[in-house]
């Protein structure tokens, strides 16, 4: 989803990355557009990272996207390690950072 694209960018910022959301389906027009984009990435020796949900649907869409990519392309699937999707992974990271900040703040108290 577009939200997962934005979340992935927050987790792994990179000014050279381009994001595409399929919303879990691939129409013929989407396939054609992605095939063209993948060919351009491959010509520039770029990597294609397929960042999908950590579920069967994510596996299926990743496989379909791999089939669209040129045979010579560097294609990798990246799924969250613990959460279902990238937005949940971002929320979990924000919560961990908040808890760490709270622990640091408590540790700065004055002692006698």
PDB file of N, CA and C in Angstrom:
ATOM      1  N   UNK A   1       0.843  -1.189   0.000  1.00  0.00           N
ATOM      2  CA  UNK A   1       0.000   0.000   0.000  1.00  0.00           C
ATOM      3  C   UNK A   1       0.880   1.241   0.000  1.00  0.00           C
ATOM      4  N   UNK A   2       0.320   2.362  -0.392  1.00  0.00           N
ATOM      5  CA  UNK A   2       1.102   3.609  -0.327  1.00  0.00           C
ATOM      6  C   UNK A   2       1.602   3.898   1.091  1.00  0.00           C
ATOM      7  N   UNK A   3       0.795   3.587   2.099  1.00  0.00           N
ATOM      8  CA  UNK A   3       1.222   3.808   3.484  1.00  0.00           C
ATOM      9  C   UNK A   3       2.444   2.959   3.815  1.00  0.00           C
ATOM     10  N   UNK A   4       2.472   1.733   3.346  1.00  0.00           N
ATOM     11  CA  UNK A   4       3.638   0.879   3.582  1.00  0.00           C
ATOM     12  C   UNK A   4       4.868   1.404   2.852  1.00  0.00           C
ATOM     13  N   UNK A   5       4.688   1.986   1.668  1.00  0.00           N
ATOM     14  CA  UNK A   5       5.818   2.606   0.953  1.00  0.00           C
ATOM     15  C   UNK A   5       6.410   3.736   1.789  1.00  0.00           C
ATOM     16  N   UNK A   6       5.549   4.602   2.308  1.00  0.00           N
ATOM     17  CA  UNK A   6       6.016   5.710   3.142  1.00  0.00           C
ATOM     18  C   UNK A   6       6.689   5.201   4.410  1.00  0.00           C
ATOM     19  N   UNK A   7       6.123   4.169   5.003  1.00  0.00           N
ATOM     20  CA  UNK A   7       6.704   3.590   6.218  1.00  0.00           C
ATOM     21  C   UNK A   7       8.065   2.977   5.927  1.00  0.00           C
ATOM     22  N   UNK A   8       8.174   2.277   4.818  1.00  0.00           N
ATOM     23  CA  UNK A   8       9.451   1.674   4.436  1.00  0.00           C
ATOM     24  C   UNK A   8      10.509   2.760   4.249  1.00  0.00           C
ATOM     25  N   UNK A   9      10.119   3.860   3.622  1.00  0.00           N
ATOM     26  CA  UNK A   9      11.054   4.963   3.422  1.00  0.00           C
ATOM     27  C   UNK A   9      11.507   5.551   4.764  1.00  0.00           C
ATOM     28  N   UNK A  10      10.614   5.640   5.720  1.00  0.00           N
ATOM     29  CA  UNK A  10      10.999   6.144   7.044  1.00  0.00           C
ATOM     30  C   UNK A  10      11.987   5.198   7.723  1.00  0.00           C
ATOM     31  N   UNK A  11      11.808   3.913   7.522  1.00  0.00           N
ATOM     32  CA  UNK A  11      12.692   2.914   8.138  1.00  0.00           C
ATOM     33  C   UNK A  11      14.035   2.818   7.422  1.00  0.00           C
ATOM     34  N   UNK A  12      14.031   2.980   6.110  1.00  0.00           N
ATOM     35  CA  UNK A  12      15.235   2.814   5.292  1.00  0.00           C
ATOM     36  C   UNK A  12      15.360   3.973   4.310  1.00  0.00           C
ATOM     37  N   UNK A  13      15.613   5.175   4.808  1.00  0.00           N
ATOM     38  CA  UNK A  13      15.663   6.335   3.904  1.00  0.00           C
ATOM     39  C   UNK A  13      16.792   6.225   2.886  1.00  0.00           C
ATOM     40  N   UNK A  14      16.476   6.595   1.652  1.00  0.00           N
ATOM     41  CA  UNK A  14      17.458   6.564   0.572  1.00  0.00           C
ATOM     42  C   UNK A  14      16.938   7.478  -0.538  1.00  0.00           C
ATOM     43  N   UNK A  15      17.681   8.517  -0.828  1.00  0.00           N
ATOM     44  CA  UNK A  15      17.244   9.488  -1.830  1.00  0.00           C
ATOM     45  C   UNK A  15      17.203   8.927  -3.253  1.00  0.00           C
ATOM     46  N   UNK A  16      17.807   7.776  -3.470  1.00  0.00           N
ATOM     47  CA  UNK A  16      17.852   7.201  -4.820  1.00  0.00           C
ATOM     48  C   UNK A  16      16.788   6.125  -5.033  1.00  0.00           C
ATOM     49  N   UNK A  17      15.975   5.898  -4.031  1.00  0.00           N
ATOM     50  CA  UNK A  17      14.953   4.856  -4.102  1.00  0.00           C
ATOM     51  C   UNK A  17      13.673   5.406  -4.723  1.00  0.00           C
ATOM     52  N   UNK A  18      13.027   4.585  -5.512  1.00  0.00           N
ATOM     53  CA  UNK A  18      11.724   4.908  -6.091  1.00  0.00           C
ATOM     54  C   UNK A  18      10.728   3.878  -5.551  1.00  0.00           C
ATOM     55  N   UNK A  19       9.540   4.335  -5.257  1.00  0.00           N
ATOM     56  CA  UNK A  19       8.543   3.476  -4.624  1.00  0.00           C
ATOM     57  C   UNK A  19       7.334   3.301  -5.531  1.00  0.00           C
ATOM     58  N   UNK A  20       6.802   2.095  -5.549  1.00  0.00           N
ATOM     59  CA  UNK A  20       5.605   1.776  -6.308  1.00  0.00           C
ATOM     60  C   UNK A  20       4.695   0.949  -5.410  1.00  0.00           C
ATOM     61  N   UNK A  21       3.436   1.314  -5.343  1.00  0.00           N
ATOM     62  CA  UNK A  21       2.462   0.550  -4.551  1.00  0.00           C
ATOM     63  C   UNK A  21       1.502  -0.151  -5.503  1.00  0.00           C
ATOM     64  N   UNK A  22       1.270  -1.409  -5.246  1.00  0.00           N
ATOM     65  CA  UNK A  22       0.332  -2.165  -6.073  1.00  0.00           C
ATOM     66  C   UNK A  22      -0.996  -2.385  -5.363  1.00  0.00           C
ATOM     67  N   UNK A  23      -1.048  -2.109  -4.075  1.00  0.00           N
ATOM     68  CA  UNK A  23      -2.247  -2.347  -3.252  1.00  0.00           C
ATOM     69  C   UNK A  23      -2.674  -3.805  -3.317  1.00  0.00           C
ATOM     70  N   UNK A  24      -1.704  -4.679  -3.462  1.00  0.00           N
ATOM     71  CA  UNK A  24      -1.965  -6.110  -3.388  1.00  0.00           C
ATOM     72  C   UNK A  24      -2.440  -6.777  -4.660  1.00  0.00           C
ATOM     73  N   UNK A  25      -2.611  -6.007  -5.730  1.00  0.00           N
ATOM     74  CA  UNK A  25      -3.047  -6.600  -6.991  1.00  0.00           C
ATOM     75  C   UNK A  25      -2.189  -6.046  -8.118  1.00  0.00           C
ATOM     76  N   UNK A  26      -2.220  -6.722  -9.240  1.00  0.00           N
ATOM     77  CA  UNK A  26      -1.475  -6.262 -10.413  1.00  0.00           C
ATOM     78  C   UNK A  26      -2.356  -6.334 -11.645  1.00  0.00           C
ATOM     79  N   UNK A  27      -2.773  -5.183 -12.118  1.00  0.00           N
ATOM     80  CA  UNK A  27      -3.513  -5.135 -13.381  1.00  0.00           C
ATOM     81  C   UNK A  27      -2.494  -5.256 -14.516  1.00  0.00           C
ATOM     82  N   UNK A  28      -2.968  -5.466 -15.709  1.00  0.00           N
ATOM     83  CA  UNK A  28      -2.058  -5.548 -16.857  1.00  0.00           C
ATOM     84  C   UNK A  28      -1.319  -4.228 -17.050  1.00  0.00           C
ATOM     85  N   UNK A  29      -2.021  -3.107 -16.843  1.00  0.00           N
ATOM     86  CA  UNK A  29      -1.374  -1.803 -16.989  1.00  0.00           C
ATOM     87  C   UNK A  29      -0.258  -1.636 -15.947  1.00  0.00           C
ATOM     88  N   UNK A  30      -0.515  -2.048 -14.701  1.00  0.00           N
ATOM     89  CA  UNK A  30       0.521  -1.984 -13.671  1.00  0.00           C
ATOM     90  C   UNK A  30       1.717  -2.847 -14.050  1.00  0.00           C
ATOM     91  N   UNK A  31       1.449  -4.039 -14.551  1.00  0.00           N
ATOM     92  CA  UNK A  31       2.539  -4.930 -14.962  1.00  0.00           C
ATOM     93  C   UNK A  31       3.384  -4.280 -16.048  1.00  0.00           C
ATOM     94  N   UNK A  32       2.724  -3.669 -17.027  1.00  0.00           N
ATOM     95  CA  UNK A  32       3.447  -3.017 -18.126  1.00  0.00           C
ATOM     96  C   UNK A  32       4.297  -1.859 -17.616  1.00  0.00           C
ATOM     97  N   UNK A  33       3.713  -1.033 -16.759  1.00  0.00           N
ATOM     98  CA  UNK A  33       4.457   0.102 -16.201  1.00  0.00           C
ATOM     99  C   UNK A  33       5.640  -0.367 -15.351  1.00  0.00           C
ATOM    100  N   UNK A  34       5.407  -1.365 -14.523  1.00  0.00           N
ATOM    101  CA  UNK A  34       6.485  -1.880 -13.672  1.00  0.00           C
ATOM    102  C   UNK A  34       7.572  -2.562 -14.498  1.00  0.00           C
ATOM    103  N   UNK A  35       7.184  -3.297 -15.528  1.00  0.00           N
ATOM    104  CA  UNK A  35       8.169  -3.952 -16.399  1.00  0.00           C
ATOM    105  C   UNK A  35       9.103  -2.898 -17.010  1.00  0.00           C
ATOM    106  N   UNK A  36       8.528  -1.798 -17.493  1.00  0.00           N
ATOM    107  CA  UNK A  36       9.332  -0.714 -18.069  1.00  0.00           C
ATOM    108  C   UNK A  36      10.268  -0.112 -17.011  1.00  0.00           C
ATOM    109  N   UNK A  37       9.734   0.153 -15.820  1.00  0.00           N
ATOM    110  CA  UNK A  37      10.564   0.720 -14.742  1.00  0.00           C
ATOM    111  C   UNK A  37      11.673  -0.254 -14.354  1.00  0.00           C
ATOM    112  N   UNK A  38      11.343  -1.527 -14.226  1.00  0.00           N
ATOM    113  CA  UNK A  38      12.345  -2.530 -13.844  1.00  0.00           C
ATOM    114  C   UNK A  38      13.444  -2.633 -14.899  1.00  0.00           C
ATOM    115  N   UNK A  39      13.076  -2.543 -16.164  1.00  0.00           N
ATOM    116  CA  UNK A  39      14.076  -2.594 -17.235  1.00  0.00           C
ATOM    117  C   UNK A  39      15.042  -1.409 -17.122  1.00  0.00           C
ATOM    118  N   UNK A  40      14.511  -0.227 -16.812  1.00  0.00           N
ATOM    119  CA  UNK A  40      15.368   0.951 -16.646  1.00  0.00           C
ATOM    120  C   UNK A  40      16.288   0.798 -15.447  1.00  0.00           C
ATOM    121  N   UNK A  41      15.767   0.275 -14.341  1.00  0.00           N
ATOM    122  CA  UNK A  41      16.607   0.047 -13.159  1.00  0.00           C
ATOM    123  C   UNK A  41      17.717  -0.937 -13.480  1.00  0.00           C
ATOM    124  N   UNK A  42      17.361  -1.992 -14.206  1.00  0.00           N
ATOM    125  CA  UNK A  42      18.348  -3.016 -14.551  1.00  0.00           C
ATOM    126  C   UNK A  42      19.433  -2.442 -15.454  1.00  0.00           C
ATOM    127  N   UNK A  43      19.053  -1.604 -16.402  1.00  0.00           N
ATOM    128  CA  UNK A  43      20.034  -0.982 -17.301  1.00  0.00           C
ATOM    129  C   UNK A  43      21.024  -0.110 -16.530  1.00  0.00           C
ATOM    130  N   UNK A  44      20.560   0.476 -15.452  1.00  0.00           N
ATOM    131  CA  UNK A  44      21.424   1.331 -14.617  1.00  0.00           C
ATOM    132  C   UNK A  44      22.090   0.540 -13.491  1.00  0.00           C
ATOM    133  N   UNK A  45      21.961  -0.800 -13.546  1.00  0.00           N
ATOM    134  CA  UNK A  45      22.539  -1.699 -12.539  1.00  0.00           C
ATOM    135  C   UNK A  45      21.969  -1.447 -11.147  1.00  0.00           C
ATOM    136  N   UNK A  46      20.726  -1.018 -11.090  1.00  0.00           N
ATOM    137  CA  UNK A  46      20.060  -0.788  -9.814  1.00  0.00           C
ATOM    138  C   UNK A  46      19.445  -2.067  -9.272  1.00  0.00           C
ATOM    139  N   UNK A  47      19.223  -2.076  -7.991  1.00  0.00           N
ATOM    140  CA  UNK A  47      18.565  -3.206  -7.344  1.00  0.00           C
ATOM    141  C   UNK A  47      17.060  -2.970  -7.334  1.00  0.00           C
ATOM    142  N   UNK A  48      16.333  -4.060  -7.389  1.00  0.00           N
ATOM    143  CA  UNK A  48      14.883  -4.017  -7.237  1.00  0.00           C
ATOM    144  C   UNK A  48      14.579  -4.713  -5.927  1.00  0.00           C
ATOM    145  N   UNK A  49      14.093  -3.943  -4.970  1.00  0.00           N
ATOM    146  CA  UNK A  49      13.741  -4.503  -3.671  1.00  0.00           C
ATOM    147  C   UNK A  49      12.226  -4.551  -3.584  1.00  0.00           C
ATOM    148  N   UNK A  50      11.719  -5.730  -3.413  1.00  0.00           N
ATOM    149  CA  UNK A  50      10.282  -5.931  -3.315  1.00  0.00           C
ATOM    150  C   UNK A  50       9.958  -6.013  -1.822  1.00  0.00           C
ATOM    151  N   UNK A  51       9.399  -4.933  -1.293  1.00  0.00           N
ATOM    152  CA  UNK A  51       9.104  -4.829   0.131  1.00  0.00           C
ATOM    153  C   UNK A  51       7.622  -5.104   0.342  1.00  0.00           C
ATOM    154  N   UNK A  52       7.316  -6.329   0.693  1.00  0.00           N
ATOM    155  CA  UNK A  52       5.925  -6.751   0.812  1.00  0.00           C
ATOM    156  C   UNK A  52       5.597  -7.140   2.248  1.00  0.00           C
ATOM    157  N   UNK A  53       4.311  -7.394   2.475  1.00  0.00           N
ATOM    158  CA  UNK A  53       3.869  -7.869   3.780  1.00  0.00           C
ATOM    159  C   UNK A  53       4.476  -9.236   4.077  1.00  0.00           C
ATOM    160  N   UNK A  54       4.526  -9.542   5.362  1.00  0.00           N
ATOM    161  CA  UNK A  54       5.038 -10.843   5.804  1.00  0.00           C
ATOM    162  C   UNK A  54       3.853 -11.812   5.928  1.00  0.00           C
ATOM    163  N   UNK A  55       3.341 -12.208   4.778  1.00  0.00           N
ATOM    164  CA  UNK A  55       2.246 -13.171   4.742  1.00  0.00           C
ATOM    165  C   UNK A  55       2.207 -13.829   3.361  1.00  0.00           C
ATOM    166  N   UNK A  56       1.263 -14.717   3.173  1.00  0.00           N
ATOM    167  CA  UNK A  56       1.161 -15.432   1.904  1.00  0.00           C
ATOM    168  C   UNK A  56       0.882 -14.463   0.746  1.00  0.00           C
ATOM    169  N   UNK A  57       0.028 -13.470   0.980  1.00  0.00           N
ATOM    170  CA  UNK A  57      -0.252 -12.481  -0.057  1.00  0.00           C
ATOM    171  C   UNK A  57       1.000 -11.723  -0.472  1.00  0.00           C
ATOM    172  N   UNK A  58       1.842 -11.400   0.518  1.00  0.00           N
ATOM    173  CA  UNK A  58       3.106 -10.724   0.225  1.00  0.00           C
ATOM    174  C   UNK A  58       4.036 -11.602  -0.585  1.00  0.00           C
ATOM    175  N   UNK A  59       4.048 -12.887  -0.266  1.00  0.00           N
ATOM    176  CA  UNK A  59       4.874 -13.834  -1.025  1.00  0.00           C
ATOM    177  C   UNK A  59       4.383 -13.943  -2.466  1.00  0.00           C
ATOM    178  N   UNK A  60       3.065 -13.989  -2.623  1.00  0.00           N
ATOM    179  CA  UNK A  60       2.496 -14.141  -3.966  1.00  0.00           C
ATOM    180  C   UNK A  60       2.782 -12.921  -4.844  1.00  0.00           C
ATOM    181  N   UNK A  61       2.580 -11.718  -4.291  1.00  0.00           N
ATOM    182  CA  UNK A  61       2.830 -10.522  -5.106  1.00  0.00           C
ATOM    183  C   UNK A  61       4.316 -10.381  -5.406  1.00  0.00           C
ATOM    184  N   UNK A  62       5.164 -10.775  -4.445  1.00  0.00           N
ATOM    185  CA  UNK A  62       6.612 -10.721  -4.682  1.00  0.00           C
ATOM    186  C   UNK A  62       6.994 -11.646  -5.836  1.00  0.00           C
ATOM    187  N   UNK A  63       6.408 -12.825  -5.878  1.00  0.00           N
ATOM    188  CA  UNK A  63       6.703 -13.764  -6.962  1.00  0.00           C
ATOM    189  C   UNK A  63       6.259 -13.206  -8.312  1.00  0.00           C
ATOM    190  N   UNK A  64       5.083 -12.594  -8.347  1.00  0.00           N
ATOM    191  CA  UNK A  64       4.594 -12.001  -9.600  1.00  0.00           C
ATOM    192  C   UNK A  64       5.512 -10.869 -10.058  1.00  0.00           C
ATOM    193  N   UNK A  65       5.999 -10.060  -9.109  1.00  0.00           N
ATOM    194  CA  UNK A  65       6.894  -8.958  -9.457  1.00  0.00           C
ATOM    195  C   UNK A  65       8.244  -9.477  -9.944  1.00  0.00           C
ATOM    196  N   UNK A  66       8.722 -10.549  -9.340  1.00  0.00           N
ATOM    197  CA  UNK A  66       9.985 -11.152  -9.797  1.00  0.00           C
ATOM    198  C   UNK A  66       9.858 -11.648 -11.237  1.00  0.00           C
ATOM    199  N   UNK A  67       8.691 -12.162 -11.588  1.00  0.00           N
ATOM    200  CA  UNK A  67       8.463 -12.658 -12.948  1.00  0.00           C
ATOM    201  C   UNK A  67       8.450 -11.518 -13.967  1.00  0.00           C
ATOM    202  N   UNK A  68       8.072 -10.326 -13.537  1.00  0.00           N
ATOM    203  CA  UNK A  68       8.043  -9.158 -14.427  1.00  0.00           C
ATOM    204  C   UNK A  68       9.446  -8.620 -14.676  1.00  0.00           C
ATOM    205  N   UNK A  69      10.314  -8.736 -13.683  1.00  0.00           N
ATOM    206  CA  UNK A  69      11.659  -8.156 -13.763  1.00  0.00           C
ATOM    207  C   UNK A  69      12.500  -8.862 -14.821  1.00  0.00           C
ATOM    208  N   UNK A  70      13.435  -8.135 -15.424  1.00  0.00           N
ATOM    209  CA  UNK A  70      14.345  -8.769 -16.383  1.00  0.00           C
ATOM    210  C   UNK A  70      15.141  -9.891 -15.699  1.00  0.00           C
ATOM    211  N   UNK A  71      15.475 -10.899 -16.458  1.00  0.00           N
ATOM    212  CA  UNK A  71      16.219 -12.049 -15.896  1.00  0.00           C
ATOM    213  C   UNK A  71      17.572 -11.636 -15.324  1.00  0.00           C
ATOM    214  N   UNK A  72      18.155 -10.554 -15.839  1.00  0.00           N
ATOM    215  CA  UNK A  72      19.470 -10.108 -15.384  1.00  0.00           C
ATOM    216  C   UNK A  72      19.400  -9.181 -14.165  1.00  0.00           C
ATOM    217  N   UNK A  73      18.192  -8.819 -13.752  1.00  0.00           N
ATOM    218  CA  UNK A  73      18.030  -7.855 -12.655  1.00  0.00           C
ATOM    219  C   UNK A  73      18.386  -8.459 -11.310  1.00  0.00           C
ATOM    220  N   UNK A  74      18.882  -7.596 -10.438  1.00  0.00           N
ATOM    221  CA  UNK A  74      19.123  -7.974  -9.046  1.00  0.00           C
ATOM    222  C   UNK A  74      17.822  -7.720  -8.293  1.00  0.00           C
ATOM    223  N   UNK A  75      17.113  -8.782  -7.948  1.00  0.00           N
ATOM    224  CA  UNK A  75      15.810  -8.662  -7.303  1.00  0.00           C
ATOM    225  C   UNK A  75      15.871  -9.321  -5.933  1.00  0.00           C
ATOM    226  N   UNK A  76      15.416  -8.577  -4.929  1.00  0.00           N
ATOM    227  CA  UNK A  76      15.408  -9.076  -3.556  1.00  0.00           C
ATOM    228  C   UNK A  76      14.048  -8.799  -2.935  1.00  0.00           C
ATOM    229  N   UNK A  77      13.579  -9.731  -2.127  1.00  0.00           N
ATOM    230  CA  UNK A  77      12.352  -9.496  -1.368  1.00  0.00           C
ATOM    231  C   UNK A  77      12.747  -9.108   0.045  1.00  0.00           C
ATOM    232  N   UNK A  78      12.079  -8.090   0.578  1.00  0.00           N
ATOM    233  CA  UNK A  78      12.318  -7.650   1.938  1.00  0.00           C
ATOM    234  C   UNK A  78      10.963  -7.600   2.637  1.00  0.00           C
ATOM    235  N   UNK A  79      10.821  -8.396   3.670  1.00  0.00           N
ATOM    236  CA  UNK A  79       9.589  -8.413   4.456  1.00  0.00           C
ATOM    237  C   UNK A  79       9.958  -8.099   5.904  1.00  0.00           C
ATOM    238  N   UNK A  80       9.037  -7.523   6.653  1.00  0.00           N
ATOM    239  CA  UNK A  80       9.345  -7.236   8.062  1.00  0.00           C
ATOM    240  C   UNK A  80       9.699  -8.516   8.810  1.00  0.00           C
ATOM    241  N   UNK A  81      10.585  -8.378   9.768  1.00  0.00           N
ATOM    242  CA  UNK A  81      11.043  -9.550  10.513  1.00  0.00           C
ATOM    243  C   UNK A  81       9.995 -10.036  11.516  1.00  0.00           C
ATOM    244  N   UNK A  82       9.353  -9.098  12.207  1.00  0.00           N
ATOM    245  CA  UNK A  82       8.434  -9.478  13.279  1.00  0.00           C
ATOM    246  C   UNK A  82       6.991  -9.043  13.043  1.00  0.00           C
ATOM    247  N   UNK A  83       6.776  -7.942  12.336  1.00  0.00           N
ATOM    248  CA  UNK A  83       5.432  -7.431  12.131  1.00  0.00           C
ATOM    249  C   UNK A  83       4.874  -7.913  10.794  1.00  0.00           C
ATOM    250  N   UNK A  84       3.552  -7.708  10.619  1.00  0.00           N
ATOM    251  CA  UNK A  84       2.894  -8.151   9.387  1.00  0.00           C
ATOM    252  C   UNK A  84       3.271  -7.281   8.195  1.00  0.00           C
ATOM    253  N   UNK A  85       3.339  -5.948   8.408  1.00  0.00           N
ATOM    254  CA  UNK A  85       3.628  -5.061   7.280  1.00  0.00           C
ATOM    255  C   UNK A  85       4.568  -3.948   7.712  1.00  0.00           C
ATOM    256  N   UNK A  86       4.945  -3.094   6.758  1.00  0.00           N
ATOM    257  CA  UNK A  86       5.954  -2.066   7.029  1.00  0.00           C
ATOM    258  C   UNK A  86       5.430  -0.946   7.903  1.00  0.00           C
ATOM    259  N   UNK A  87       4.134  -0.669   7.869  1.00  0.00           N
ATOM    260  CA  UNK A  87       3.595   0.349   8.755  1.00  0.00           C
ATOM    261  C   UNK A  87       3.640  -0.138  10.201  1.00  0.00           C
ATOM    262  N   UNK A  88       3.308  -1.397  10.427  1.00  0.00           N
ATOM    263  CA  UNK A  88       3.412  -1.955  11.780  1.00  0.00           C
ATOM    264  C   UNK A  88       4.871  -1.961  12.243  1.00  0.00           C
ATOM    265  N   UNK A  89       5.794  -2.247  11.344  1.00  0.00           N
ATOM    266  CA  UNK A  89       7.220  -2.239  11.694  1.00  0.00           C
ATOM    267  C   UNK A  89       7.667  -0.828  12.080  1.00  0.00           C
ATOM    268  N   UNK A  90       7.191   0.182  11.360  1.00  0.00           N
ATOM    269  CA  UNK A  90       7.539   1.567  11.698  1.00  0.00           C
ATOM    270  C   UNK A  90       6.962   1.946  13.053  1.00  0.00           C
ATOM    271  N   UNK A  91       5.703   1.610  13.303  1.00  0.00           N
ATOM    272  CA  UNK A  91       5.090   1.914  14.598  1.00  0.00           C
ATOM    273  C   UNK A  91       5.860   1.245  15.734  1.00  0.00           C
ATOM    274  N   UNK A  92       6.292   0.008  15.521  1.00  0.00           N
ATOM    275  CA  UNK A  92       7.060  -0.705  16.553  1.00  0.00           C
ATOM    276  C   UNK A  92       8.395  -0.012  16.810  1.00  0.00           C
ATOM    277  N   UNK A  93       9.046   0.455  15.749  1.00  0.00           N
ATOM    278  CA  UNK A  93      10.318   1.157  15.931  1.00  0.00           C
ATOM    279  C   UNK A  93      10.107   2.464  16.685  1.00  0.00           C
ATOM    280  N   UNK A  94       9.072   3.199  16.344  1.00  0.00           N
ATOM    281  CA  UNK A  94       8.780   4.457  17.034  1.00  0.00           C
ATOM    282  C   UNK A  94       8.528   4.193  18.518  1.00  0.00           C
ATOM    283  N   UNK A  95       7.799   3.140  18.823  1.00  0.00           N
ATOM    284  CA  UNK A  95       7.524   2.789  20.217  1.00  0.00           C
ATOM    285  C   UNK A  95       8.804   2.411  20.952  1.00  0.00           C
ATOM    286  N   UNK A  96       9.681   1.639  20.308  1.00  0.00           N
ATOM    287  CA  UNK A  96      10.970   1.278  20.941  1.00  0.00           C
ATOM    288  C   UNK A  96      11.798   2.529  21.224  1.00  0.00           C
ATOM    289  N   UNK A  97      11.844   3.433  20.260  1.00  0.00           N
ATOM    290  CA  UNK A  97      12.603   4.669  20.443  1.00  0.00           C
ATOM    291  C   UNK A  97      12.012   5.520  21.559  1.00  0.00           C
ATOM    292  N   UNK A  98      10.688   5.551  21.659  1.00  0.00           N
ATOM    293  CA  UNK A  98      10.024   6.310  22.721  1.00  0.00           C
ATOM    294  C   UNK A  98      10.363   5.720  24.083  1.00  0.00           C
ATOM    295  N   UNK A  99      10.332   4.399  24.185  1.00  0.00           N
ATOM    296  CA  UNK A  99      10.670   3.742  25.447  1.00  0.00           C
ATOM    297  C   UNK A  99      12.137   3.974  25.816  1.00  0.00           C
ATOM    298  N   UNK A 100      13.023   3.927  24.841  1.00  0.00           N
ATOM    299  CA  UNK A 100      14.434   4.193  25.105  1.00  0.00           C
ATOM    300  C   UNK A 100      14.638   5.628  25.577  1.00  0.00           C
ATOM    301  N   UNK A 101      13.932   6.565  24.967  1.00  0.00           N
ATOM    302  CA  UNK A 101      14.026   7.964  25.379  1.00  0.00           C
ATOM    303  C   UNK A 101      13.527   8.137  26.806  1.00  0.00           C
ATOM    304  N   UNK A 102      12.427   7.465  27.143  1.00  0.00           N
ATOM    305  CA  UNK A 102      11.903   7.535  28.500  1.00  0.00           C
ATOM    306  C   UNK A 102      12.892   6.961  29.511  1.00  0.00           C
ATOM    307  N   UNK A 103      13.545   5.864  29.166  1.00  0.00           N
ATOM    308  CA  UNK A 103      14.536   5.264  30.062  1.00  0.00           C
ATOM    309  C   UNK A 103      15.722   6.193  30.253  1.00  0.00           C
ATOM    310  N   UNK A 104      16.179   6.839  29.193  1.00  0.00           N
ATOM    311  CA  UNK A 104      17.291   7.786  29.307  1.00  0.00           C
ATOM    312  C   UNK A 104      16.899   8.975  30.172  1.00  0.00           C
ATOM    313  N   UNK A 105      15.664   9.441  29.999  1.00  0.00           N
ATOM    314  CA  UNK A 105      15.192  10.589  30.773  1.00  0.00           C
ATOM    315  C   UNK A 105      15.131  10.251  32.254  1.00  0.00           C
ATOM    316  N   UNK A 106      14.696   9.055  32.599  1.00  0.00           N
ATOM    317  CA  UNK A 106      14.636   8.629  34.007  1.00  0.00           C
ATOM    318  C   UNK A 106      16.021   8.476  34.610  1.00  0.00           C
ATOM    319  N   UNK A 107      16.983   8.102  33.788  1.00  0.00           N
ATOM    320  CA  UNK A 107      18.340   7.872  34.263  1.00  0.00           C
ATOM    321  C   UNK A 107      19.102   9.170  34.521  1.00  0.00           C
ATOM    322  N   UNK A 108      18.537  10.316  34.198  1.00  0.00           N
ATOM    323  CA  UNK A 108      19.225  11.596  34.356  1.00  0.00           C
ATOM    324  C   UNK A 108      18.869  12.301  35.665  1.00  0.00           C
ATOM    325  N   UNK A 109      18.178  11.614  36.539  1.00  0.00           N
ATOM    326  CA  UNK A 109      17.791  12.241  37.804  1.00  0.00           C
ATOM    327  C   UNK A 109      19.015  12.548  38.676  1.00  0.00           C
ATOM    328  N   UNK A 110      18.814  13.428  39.631  1.00  0.00           N
ATOM    329  CA  UNK A 110      19.891  13.792  40.555  1.00  0.00           C
ATOM    330  C   UNK A 110      20.011  12.756  41.651  1.00  0.00           C
ATOM    331  N   UNK A 111      21.199  12.443  42.023  1.00  0.00           N
ATOM    332  CA  UNK A 111      21.419  11.519  43.134  1.00  0.00           C
ATOM    333  C   UNK A 111      22.121  12.275  44.252  1.00  0.00           C
ATOM    334  N   UNK A 112      21.928  11.843  45.490  1.00  0.00           N
ATOM    335  CA  UNK A 112      22.549  12.518  46.645  1.00  0.00           C
ATOM    336  C   UNK A 112      23.618  11.666  47.220  1.00  0.00           C
TER     337      UNK A 112
END
